[in-house]
Amino acid sequence: MSNHNLPKLKLPDFYGSYEKWLQFADTYRSLIHNSNSLSKIEKFWYLKSCLKGDAANLLTSLEVSEANYDKAWSLLSDRYENKRAIIQTHLKSFFEMPVITKESHIALRNLIDTSSQHLRSLESLGLPIEHWDTILIYQITSKLDLITRKGWEDYSLKLPTDTPAFDELISFLNDKCQVLESISTNIPSQKSTSNKCSNKNSSSTFVSTIPHVFYATRIILFLHVQNF
């Protein structure tokens, strides 16, 4: 195998999920498949290194060779480049995102990022998501905790239109996420508080010469803010 001055980039793994096919295929084509500096057998080895699980099993019968590379790529493309299956998979994942039960910046950020990922994929497949604002807002708000959902209702009532744009909801959620993250970073950690209490009790025990303990106080502070 000849040496090439390729950038040291980690190629993505692909396990056989329709949901991940487009991202994998676009990256692999750009870095490896369309490269004029690699031989087909080199491309085959790169391809094999990326495939896991069901996707890897698809090529087990093919020997790694120059002649088999095109067959291998065709097998993968024929199996996973299924537009209808890809669309259905993204829609299913989008509508089945978990409901946030309480304020949490982590859960909220995950909701924003996951929904955006599915919508970008659907848009790249030609679906007119720019006309889905009302549906998208209904779907995302149905996944919010009660406090955040009430906040959005109050916020949306102040907007100049009765039909807010989906981007306005995302902007509101991003702002809410930043607030919750800021609050979270300003709360003393439970570990630090616990250590202070432990040190205080240890010091009291050390200086005490009385064989019986008349007073015992244990203070446990749990300050927990979950944002999004």
Protein backbone atom coordinates (compact mmCIF):
# COMPACT_ATOMS: atom_id res chain seq x y z
CA MET A 1 0.00 0.00 0.00
CA SER A 2 1.50 3.32 -1.05
CA ASN A 3 1.93 6.16 1.39
CA HIS A 4 -0.14 9.32 1.04
CA ASN A 5 -0.05 12.58 2.93
CA LEU A 6 -3.67 12.30 4.03
CA PRO A 7 -4.96 14.55 6.79
CA LYS A 8 -5.22 12.71 10.08
CA LEU A 9 -8.99 12.59 10.26
CA LYS A 10 -10.99 9.89 12.00
CA LEU A 11 -13.43 8.37 9.57
CA PRO A 12 -16.97 7.89 10.90
CA ASP A 13 -18.23 4.47 11.90
CA PHE A 14 -21.37 3.12 10.25
CA TYR A 15 -23.45 0.42 11.92
CA GLY A 16 -26.23 0.11 9.35
CA SER A 17 -28.70 2.77 10.53
CA TYR A 18 -30.72 4.51 7.81
CA GLU A 19 -30.72 7.56 10.05
CA LYS A 20 -26.91 7.79 9.88
CA TRP A 21 -26.39 6.78 6.25
CA LEU A 22 -26.43 10.22 4.62
CA GLN A 23 -23.91 11.66 7.07
CA PHE A 24 -21.63 8.66 6.69
CA ALA A 25 -21.93 8.44 2.91
CA ASP A 26 -21.26 12.16 2.35
CA THR A 27 -18.19 12.12 4.58
CA TYR A 28 -16.80 8.89 3.17
CA ARG A 29 -17.32 9.98 -0.44
CA SER A 30 -15.56 13.29 0.17
CA LEU A 31 -12.57 11.86 2.01
CA ILE A 32 -12.08 8.44 0.41
CA HIS A 33 -14.41 7.35 -2.38
CA ASN A 34 -13.83 10.35 -4.65
CA SER A 35 -10.10 10.57 -3.94
CA ASN A 36 -7.86 10.24 -7.01
CA SER A 37 -4.79 9.53 -4.90
CA LEU A 38 -6.02 6.23 -3.46
CA SER A 39 -6.17 2.87 -5.17
CA LYS A 40 -9.38 0.87 -5.00
CA ILE A 41 -7.88 -1.68 -2.66
CA GLU A 42 -6.85 1.14 -0.30
CA LYS A 43 -10.38 2.51 -0.48
CA PHE A 44 -11.72 -0.95 0.31
CA TRP A 45 -9.58 -1.18 3.45
CA TYR A 46 -10.75 2.26 4.57
CA LEU A 47 -14.35 1.24 3.91
CA LYS A 48 -14.00 -1.98 5.88
CA SER A 49 -12.50 -0.07 8.82
CA CYS A 50 -15.60 2.13 8.99
CA LEU A 51 -18.23 -0.60 8.89
CA LYS A 52 -19.60 -2.20 12.04
CA GLY A 53 -22.46 -4.53 12.91
CA ASP A 54 -25.04 -5.16 10.18
CA ALA A 55 -23.20 -2.95 7.69
CA ALA A 56 -19.99 -4.96 8.12
CA ASN A 57 -21.88 -8.25 7.80
CA LEU A 58 -23.15 -7.14 4.41
CA LEU A 59 -19.64 -7.35 2.95
CA THR A 60 -18.36 -10.48 4.70
CA SER A 61 -18.61 -12.55 1.52
CA LEU A 62 -16.44 -10.13 -0.47
CA GLU A 63 -12.69 -10.54 -0.52
CA VAL A 64 -10.73 -7.29 -0.22
CA SER A 65 -9.43 -6.68 -3.74
CA GLU A 66 -9.28 -4.03 -6.47
CA ALA A 67 -12.03 -5.77 -8.42
CA ASN A 68 -14.43 -6.02 -5.47
CA TYR A 69 -14.36 -2.42 -4.25
CA ASP A 70 -17.02 -1.15 -6.65
CA LYS A 71 -19.19 -4.16 -5.80
CA ALA A 72 -18.81 -3.45 -2.10
CA TRP A 73 -19.79 0.21 -2.45
CA SER A 74 -22.74 -0.72 -4.67
CA LEU A 75 -23.97 -3.24 -2.10
CA LEU A 76 -23.91 -0.61 0.61
CA SER A 77 -25.53 2.07 -1.55
CA ASP A 78 -28.26 -0.25 -2.78
CA ARG A 79 -29.08 -1.31 0.77
CA TYR A 80 -28.99 2.01 2.60
CA GLU A 81 -29.54 4.71 -0.03
CA ASN A 82 -33.29 4.19 0.35
CA LYS A 83 -34.89 7.62 0.43
CA ARG A 84 -38.27 6.46 1.69
CA ALA A 85 -36.74 4.40 4.51
CA ILE A 86 -34.41 7.25 5.48
CA ILE A 87 -37.29 9.76 5.62
CA GLN A 88 -39.46 7.41 7.67
CA THR A 89 -36.62 6.73 10.09
CA HIS A 90 -35.96 10.44 10.67
CA LEU A 91 -39.67 11.21 11.09
CA LYS A 92 -40.12 8.35 13.54
CA SER A 93 -37.14 9.49 15.62
CA PHE A 94 -38.32 13.11 15.52
CA PHE A 95 -41.85 12.33 16.72
CA GLU A 96 -40.67 9.84 19.35
CA MET A 97 -38.20 12.10 21.14
CA PRO A 98 -38.60 11.75 24.93
CA VAL A 99 -40.64 14.21 26.97
CA ILE A 100 -38.70 16.47 29.35
CA THR A 101 -40.24 16.04 32.81
CA LYS A 102 -38.49 18.91 34.60
CA GLU A 103 -36.30 21.91 33.83
CA SER A 104 -32.90 20.75 32.64
CA HIS A 105 -30.45 22.54 30.37
CA ILE A 106 -28.95 19.18 29.40
CA ALA A 107 -32.29 17.67 28.34
CA LEU A 108 -33.36 20.87 26.60
CA ARG A 109 -30.09 21.18 24.69
CA ASN A 110 -30.42 17.56 23.62
CA LEU A 111 -33.96 18.21 22.39
CA ILE A 112 -32.82 21.22 20.34
CA ASP A 113 -29.81 19.45 18.84
CA THR A 114 -31.60 16.19 18.07
CA SER A 115 -34.62 17.85 16.45
CA SER A 116 -32.36 20.14 14.40
CA GLN A 117 -30.35 17.17 13.18
CA HIS A 118 -33.45 15.31 11.98
CA LEU A 119 -34.90 18.42 10.32
CA ARG A 120 -31.66 19.19 8.48
CA SER A 121 -31.61 15.64 7.15
CA LEU A 122 -35.24 15.84 6.04
CA GLU A 123 -34.59 19.17 4.34
CA SER A 124 -31.60 17.71 2.47
CA LEU A 125 -33.93 14.97 1.21
CA GLY A 126 -36.19 17.59 -0.36
CA LEU A 127 -38.97 17.82 2.20
CA PRO A 128 -40.55 21.31 2.52
CA ILE A 129 -39.92 21.77 6.23
CA GLU A 130 -39.96 25.56 5.79
CA HIS A 131 -43.76 25.23 5.59
CA TRP A 132 -44.13 23.06 8.69
CA ASP A 133 -43.80 25.74 11.39
CA THR A 134 -47.12 25.07 13.13
CA ILE A 135 -46.60 21.30 13.15
CA LEU A 136 -43.00 21.60 14.35
CA ILE A 137 -43.91 24.03 17.14
CA TYR A 138 -46.70 21.73 18.31
CA GLN A 139 -44.38 18.72 18.30
CA ILE A 140 -41.48 20.39 20.13
CA THR A 141 -43.64 22.14 22.75
CA SER A 142 -45.35 18.81 23.52
CA LYS A 143 -41.92 17.55 24.65
CA LEU A 144 -41.21 20.45 27.03
CA ASP A 145 -41.53 20.44 30.79
CA LEU A 146 -44.49 22.42 32.14
CA ILE A 147 -42.46 25.43 33.29
CA THR A 148 -40.68 25.87 29.96
CA ARG A 149 -43.88 25.28 28.03
CA LYS A 150 -45.70 27.94 30.07
CA GLY A 151 -42.78 30.29 29.46
CA TRP A 152 -43.12 29.78 25.72
CA GLU A 153 -46.89 30.40 25.82
CA ASP A 154 -46.34 33.68 27.69
CA TYR A 155 -43.55 34.66 25.29
CA SER A 156 -45.48 33.77 22.13
CA LEU A 157 -48.49 35.85 23.21
CA LYS A 158 -46.27 38.94 23.01
CA LEU A 159 -45.21 38.22 19.42
CA PRO A 160 -46.79 40.33 16.66
CA THR A 161 -48.38 37.30 14.97
CA ASP A 162 -50.75 34.54 16.10
CA THR A 163 -48.68 31.97 14.22
CA PRO A 164 -45.07 32.16 15.43
CA ALA A 165 -42.25 30.88 13.27
CA PHE A 166 -40.40 27.72 14.30
CA ASP A 167 -37.16 29.73 14.44
CA GLU A 168 -38.72 31.93 17.14
CA LEU A 169 -39.36 28.87 19.29
CA ILE A 170 -35.78 27.66 18.82
CA SER A 171 -34.47 31.13 19.70
CA PHE A 172 -36.60 31.13 22.88
CA LEU A 173 -35.35 27.66 23.85
CA ASN A 174 -31.72 28.61 23.24
CA ASP A 175 -32.11 31.66 25.47
CA LYS A 176 -33.78 29.54 28.16
CA CYS A 177 -30.97 27.03 27.92
CA GLN A 178 -28.33 29.74 28.45
CA VAL A 179 -30.18 31.02 31.52
CA LEU A 180 -30.41 27.57 33.06
CA GLU A 181 -26.75 26.86 32.32
CA SER A 182 -25.76 30.15 33.94
CA ILE A 183 -27.80 29.37 37.06
CA SER A 184 -26.32 25.89 37.23
CA THR A 185 -22.72 27.15 37.22
CA ASN A 186 -23.44 29.56 40.10
CA ILE A 187 -24.75 26.91 42.50
CA PRO A 188 -22.26 25.54 45.08
CA SER A 189 -21.49 21.91 44.41
CA GLN A 190 -22.97 19.31 46.72
CA LYS A 191 -19.53 17.73 47.15
CA SER A 192 -18.00 20.98 48.36
CA THR A 193 -20.81 21.59 50.86
CA SER A 194 -20.63 18.01 52.09
CA ASN A 195 -16.86 18.27 52.64
CA LYS A 196 -17.26 21.43 54.72
CA CYS A 197 -19.82 19.74 56.94
CA SER A 198 -17.60 16.67 57.27
CA ASN A 199 -14.58 18.76 58.26
CA LYS A 200 -16.60 20.64 60.86
CA ASN A 201 -17.88 17.44 62.46
CA SER A 202 -14.39 15.90 62.47
CA SER A 203 -12.94 18.96 64.18
CA SER A 204 -15.64 18.91 66.86
CA THR A 205 -15.03 15.24 67.56
CA PHE A 206 -11.27 15.79 67.86
CA VAL A 207 -11.45 18.52 70.50
CA SER A 208 -14.20 16.85 72.49
CA THR A 209 -13.17 15.14 75.75
CA ILE A 210 -16.68 14.17 76.82
CA PRO A 211 -17.31 10.42 76.46
CA HIS A 212 -20.93 10.81 75.52
CA VAL A 213 -22.27 12.86 72.64
CA PHE A 214 -25.06 15.17 73.73
CA TYR A 215 -25.60 16.95 70.43
CA ALA A 216 -25.27 15.54 66.91
CA THR A 217 -26.09 17.63 63.89
CA ARG A 218 -25.80 16.50 60.32
CA ILE A 219 -26.62 19.03 57.63
CA ILE A 220 -27.13 17.74 54.12
CA LEU A 221 -27.73 20.27 51.38
CA PHE A 222 -28.94 19.13 48.05
CA LEU A 223 -29.10 22.03 45.64
CA HIS A 224 -29.94 20.71 42.24
CA VAL A 225 -30.84 22.74 39.19
CA GLN A 226 -31.45 20.79 36.00
CA ASN A 227 -31.66 22.98 32.98
CA PHE A 228 -33.45 21.92 29.88
